[in-house]
Protein backbone atom coordinates (compact mmCIF):
# COMPACT_ATOMS: atom_id res chain seq x y z
CA MET A 1 0.00 0.00 0.00
CA GLN A 2 1.29 3.49 -0.88
CA TRP A 3 0.74 6.80 0.97
CA ASP A 4 -0.08 10.17 -0.63
CA ALA A 5 0.06 13.57 1.03
CA THR A 6 -3.20 15.62 1.04
CA ALA A 7 -3.98 19.01 2.48
CA GLY A 8 -5.84 19.02 5.84
CA ALA A 9 -8.46 21.43 7.11
CA ALA A 10 -5.90 23.56 9.03
CA GLY A 11 -3.45 23.76 6.18
CA GLY A 12 -1.45 20.74 7.40
CA VAL A 13 -0.47 17.76 5.37
CA LEU A 14 -2.15 14.43 6.12
CA PRO A 15 -1.14 11.06 4.75
CA ARG A 16 -3.68 9.23 2.60
CA ALA A 17 -3.62 5.53 1.70
CA VAL A 18 -3.56 4.81 -1.99
CA SER A 19 -4.36 1.31 -3.23
CA PRO A 20 -2.04 -0.09 -5.92
CA ARG A 21 -3.53 -0.51 -9.35
CA VAL A 22 -3.40 -3.80 -11.14
CA GLY A 23 -3.19 -3.48 -14.88
CA VAL A 24 -5.77 -5.41 -16.83
CA GLY A 25 -3.27 -6.07 -19.57
CA GLY A 26 -0.84 -7.69 -17.12
CA ALA A 27 -3.49 -10.09 -15.81
CA CYS A 28 -4.50 -11.11 -19.34
CA GLN A 29 -0.87 -11.64 -20.26
CA THR A 30 -0.38 -13.91 -17.22
CA ASP A 31 -3.47 -15.94 -18.08
CA ARG A 32 -2.25 -16.25 -21.65
CA MET A 33 1.11 -17.53 -20.45
CA TRP A 34 -0.55 -20.20 -18.25
CA LEU A 35 -2.78 -21.23 -21.15
CA GLU A 36 0.23 -21.61 -23.41
CA LEU A 37 1.98 -23.74 -20.79
CA ASP A 38 -1.01 -26.03 -20.16
CA LEU A 39 -2.26 -26.40 -23.72
CA PRO A 40 0.40 -28.89 -24.97
CA ALA A 41 -0.07 -31.09 -21.90
CA ALA A 42 -3.85 -31.00 -22.34
CA VAL A 43 -3.59 -31.93 -26.02
CA LEU A 44 -1.18 -34.80 -25.28
CA SER A 45 -3.35 -36.07 -22.43
CA THR A 46 -6.45 -36.01 -24.62
CA PHE A 47 -4.70 -37.83 -27.44
CA LEU A 48 -3.36 -40.56 -25.13
CA PHE A 49 -6.77 -40.99 -23.51
CA LEU A 50 -8.52 -41.41 -26.86
CA ALA A 51 -5.79 -43.68 -28.23
CA LEU A 52 -5.85 -46.00 -25.21
CA CYS A 53 -9.66 -46.12 -25.18
CA ALA A 54 -9.77 -46.93 -28.89
CA ALA A 55 -7.12 -49.65 -28.53
CA LEU A 56 -8.96 -51.13 -25.54
CA ALA A 57 -12.20 -51.25 -27.55
CA LEU A 58 -10.45 -52.93 -30.49
CA VAL A 59 -8.84 -55.67 -28.41
CA THR A 60 -12.06 -56.26 -26.47
CA VAL A 61 -13.92 -56.90 -29.71
CA SER A 62 -11.17 -59.38 -30.70
CA LEU A 63 -11.34 -61.42 -27.48
CA GLY A 64 -13.63 -64.06 -28.98
CA ARG A 65 -11.85 -64.43 -32.30
CA PRO A 66 -8.61 -62.47 -32.90
CA SER A 67 -8.88 -60.22 -35.94
CA ALA A 68 -5.66 -59.26 -37.67
CA VAL A 69 -7.11 -55.94 -38.86
CA LEU A 70 -8.46 -54.84 -35.48
CA LEU A 71 -5.40 -56.00 -33.56
CA GLY A 72 -3.12 -54.36 -36.12
CA CYS A 73 -4.91 -51.06 -35.54
CA ALA A 74 -4.59 -51.47 -31.76
CA VAL A 75 -0.86 -52.20 -32.06
CA GLY A 76 -0.46 -49.19 -34.33
CA LEU A 77 -2.13 -46.90 -31.77
CA VAL A 78 0.12 -48.19 -29.00
CA VAL A 79 3.29 -47.80 -31.09
CA LEU A 80 2.27 -44.29 -32.14
CA SER A 81 1.61 -43.33 -28.53
CA VAL A 82 5.00 -44.66 -27.42
CA ILE A 83 6.80 -42.70 -30.14
CA ILE A 84 4.96 -39.47 -29.34
CA VAL A 85 5.60 -39.54 -25.58
CA ALA A 86 9.23 -40.54 -26.17
CA VAL A 87 9.90 -37.66 -28.59
CA LEU A 88 7.84 -34.78 -27.22
CA PRO A 89 9.27 -33.05 -24.10
CA ILE A 90 5.84 -32.64 -22.51
CA THR A 91 4.83 -33.77 -19.03
CA ILE A 92 1.19 -34.57 -18.34
CA PRO A 93 -0.47 -33.61 -15.00
CA PRO A 94 -0.47 -36.21 -12.20
CA LEU A 95 -4.28 -36.53 -12.11
CA MET A 96 -4.50 -37.25 -15.83
CA GLY A 97 -1.51 -39.56 -15.44
CA ALA A 98 -3.41 -41.62 -12.87
CA ILE A 99 -6.40 -41.95 -15.22
CA LEU A 100 -4.17 -42.96 -18.10
CA ALA A 101 -2.37 -45.45 -15.86
CA LEU A 102 -5.64 -47.26 -15.14
CA LEU A 103 -6.43 -47.39 -18.85
CA ALA A 104 -2.94 -48.62 -19.70
CA VAL A 105 -3.01 -51.40 -17.10
CA ALA A 106 -6.42 -52.54 -18.35
CA LEU A 107 -5.25 -52.48 -21.97
CA ALA A 108 -2.02 -54.31 -21.15
CA THR A 109 -3.85 -57.01 -19.18
CA VAL A 110 -6.90 -57.61 -21.37
CA GLY A 111 -5.39 -56.83 -24.74
CA GLY A 112 -2.55 -59.28 -24.31
CA ASN A 113 -4.90 -62.25 -24.67
CA PRO A 114 -5.94 -61.75 -28.33
CA ILE A 115 -2.49 -60.35 -29.17
CA VAL A 116 -0.69 -63.46 -27.86
CA ARG A 117 -3.16 -65.83 -29.53
CA TRP A 118 -2.70 -63.93 -32.80
CA VAL A 119 1.10 -64.19 -32.54
CA LEU A 120 0.99 -67.89 -31.63
CA ARG A 121 -1.33 -68.64 -34.53
CA ALA A 122 1.04 -66.84 -36.89
CA ALA A 123 4.03 -68.70 -35.43
CA ASP A 124 2.72 -72.26 -35.93
CA GLY A 125 0.24 -71.61 -38.70
CA GLY A 126 -2.69 -72.56 -36.49
CA LYS A 127 -1.66 -76.20 -36.41
CA THR A 128 -1.66 -76.54 -32.61
CA PRO A 129 -5.21 -76.91 -31.25
CA GLU A 130 -6.15 -75.13 -28.05
CA GLY A 131 -7.47 -77.10 -25.11
CA PRO A 132 -10.60 -76.36 -23.08
CA ARG A 133 -8.58 -75.30 -20.00
CA GLY A 134 -6.34 -72.69 -21.57
CA GLY A 135 -3.58 -75.05 -22.75
CA ILE A 136 -2.73 -76.88 -25.96
CA LEU A 137 -3.50 -80.41 -27.12
CA VAL A 138 -0.49 -82.57 -28.04
CA GLU A 139 0.02 -86.24 -28.80
CA LEU A 140 2.10 -88.09 -26.23
CA MET A 141 3.73 -91.40 -27.06
CA ALA A 142 2.60 -94.32 -24.90
CA ALA A 143 4.26 -97.66 -24.26
CA PRO A 144 3.57 -100.19 -27.04
CA PRO A 145 1.14 -101.54 -28.01
CA ALA A 146 -0.93 -98.62 -26.72
CA PRO A 147 -1.57 -95.94 -29.35
CA PRO A 148 -0.46 -92.32 -28.82
CA ARG A 149 -2.78 -90.37 -26.58
CA GLU A 150 -3.81 -86.74 -26.79
CA GLU A 151 -3.31 -84.67 -23.66
CA GLU A 152 -3.66 -81.02 -22.75
CA ILE A 153 -0.48 -79.38 -21.47
CA LEU A 154 0.28 -75.84 -20.28
CA ARG A 155 -3.14 -75.75 -18.69
CA GLY A 156 -4.29 -72.50 -17.16
CA GLY A 157 -2.24 -70.53 -19.67
CA THR A 158 -4.98 -67.96 -20.20
CA THR A 159 -5.33 -67.14 -16.50
CA ILE A 160 -1.58 -67.13 -15.97
CA GLY A 161 -1.21 -64.77 -18.91
CA TYR A 162 -3.68 -62.28 -17.44
CA LEU A 163 -1.88 -62.31 -14.08
CA GLU A 164 1.52 -62.10 -15.75
CA ARG A 165 0.62 -59.00 -17.76
CA LEU A 166 -1.14 -57.36 -14.83
CA ALA A 167 1.93 -57.77 -12.63
CA ALA A 168 4.30 -56.59 -15.37
CA ALA A 169 2.20 -53.52 -16.19
CA LEU A 170 1.88 -52.51 -12.53
CA ALA A 171 5.62 -52.97 -12.02
CA ILE A 172 6.42 -50.62 -14.91
CA VAL A 173 3.83 -48.01 -13.93
CA VAL A 174 5.09 -47.78 -10.33
CA GLY A 175 8.70 -47.63 -11.51
CA PHE A 176 9.95 -51.12 -10.59
CA PRO A 177 10.52 -52.91 -13.92
CA ALA A 178 13.01 -55.32 -12.33
CA ALA A 179 10.00 -57.26 -11.05
CA ILE A 180 9.54 -58.64 -14.57
CA ALA A 181 12.59 -60.85 -14.03
CA VAL A 182 10.88 -62.35 -10.97
CA ILE A 183 7.71 -62.97 -12.99
CA VAL A 184 9.63 -64.79 -15.72
CA ALA A 185 11.53 -66.86 -13.17
CA LEU A 186 8.37 -67.95 -11.36
CA LYS A 187 6.68 -68.87 -14.62
CA GLY A 188 9.70 -70.84 -15.82
CA VAL A 189 9.97 -72.83 -12.60
CA GLY A 190 6.26 -73.60 -12.61
CA ARG A 191 6.23 -74.77 -16.23
CA PHE A 192 9.55 -76.62 -16.27
CA THR A 193 8.09 -80.14 -16.11
CA GLU A 194 5.67 -79.43 -18.99
CA LEU A 195 8.30 -78.35 -21.53
CA ALA A 196 9.23 -81.81 -22.76
CA THR A 197 7.68 -81.48 -26.23
CA PRO A 198 8.82 -79.01 -28.94
CA ALA A 199 5.31 -77.59 -29.24
CA ALA A 200 5.23 -76.80 -25.53
CA ARG A 201 8.64 -75.11 -25.59
CA GLU A 202 7.76 -73.04 -28.63
CA ARG A 203 4.44 -71.92 -27.20
CA PHE A 204 5.99 -71.10 -23.83
CA ILE A 205 8.79 -68.95 -25.28
CA VAL A 206 6.78 -67.19 -27.98
CA GLY A 207 3.75 -66.65 -25.76
CA THR A 208 5.77 -65.28 -22.85
CA LEU A 209 7.76 -62.89 -25.03
CA ALA A 210 4.68 -61.62 -26.86
CA SER A 211 2.75 -61.20 -23.61
CA LEU A 212 5.51 -59.29 -21.80
CA LEU A 213 6.40 -57.19 -24.84
CA TRP A 214 2.80 -56.04 -25.20
CA ALA A 215 2.41 -55.30 -21.49
CA SER A 216 5.73 -53.42 -21.38
CA ALA A 217 4.95 -51.32 -24.44
CA VAL A 218 1.50 -50.29 -23.20
CA ALA A 219 2.52 -49.64 -19.60
CA GLY A 220 5.68 -47.82 -20.67
CA ILE A 221 3.57 -44.99 -22.08
CA ILE A 222 2.80 -43.75 -18.56
CA PRO A 223 6.33 -43.19 -17.18
CA LEU A 224 7.44 -41.71 -20.50
CA ALA A 225 4.56 -39.24 -20.44
CA MET A 226 5.03 -38.23 -16.79
CA TRP A 227 8.82 -37.85 -16.60
């Protein structure tokens, strides 16, 4: 507050309080500066939100029967999002980051199922039939004169895949990617006795790599966008 001298009734000088003036132009300029600072982050957040929602819708539609076209579009959206957040030096707000993290974890967990099945079908040409309990059906040799018998191995693969991707995505989002090594180790120890046939080994390696690669790519969008 400033003081100004005014003439009193008896000819003396009395101090008078003068309020400071705030320029309208200065306030508008400040608001414009804040808008310019927040606009890139808002645009990036909106794009990532729409891209993740679209990819989640595409993979959800492909859960029953994997579609190469729909899954290709979902993969393209994820790859585009990763490239954008890796190149642009823009940091999204924490609240929007939390919303995007939930979307990314859901997409990484759910979307990995049709993605992995699509990759496995492309790897073996669809020659390995799937079992009713999430495994594969293979022919096991029996002692003569018994004929070969068909048995389902790698059972529970669908459920294990969901849990595997959920754990991997959460580990990357919270900043502890080293936990993926623990996930792979636990899965390898649990499946060791079932990897006797070539089909089982191929499905285990290809499926695990495809599952973790998808989960890592989707979940990696969040730390890249917030750092």
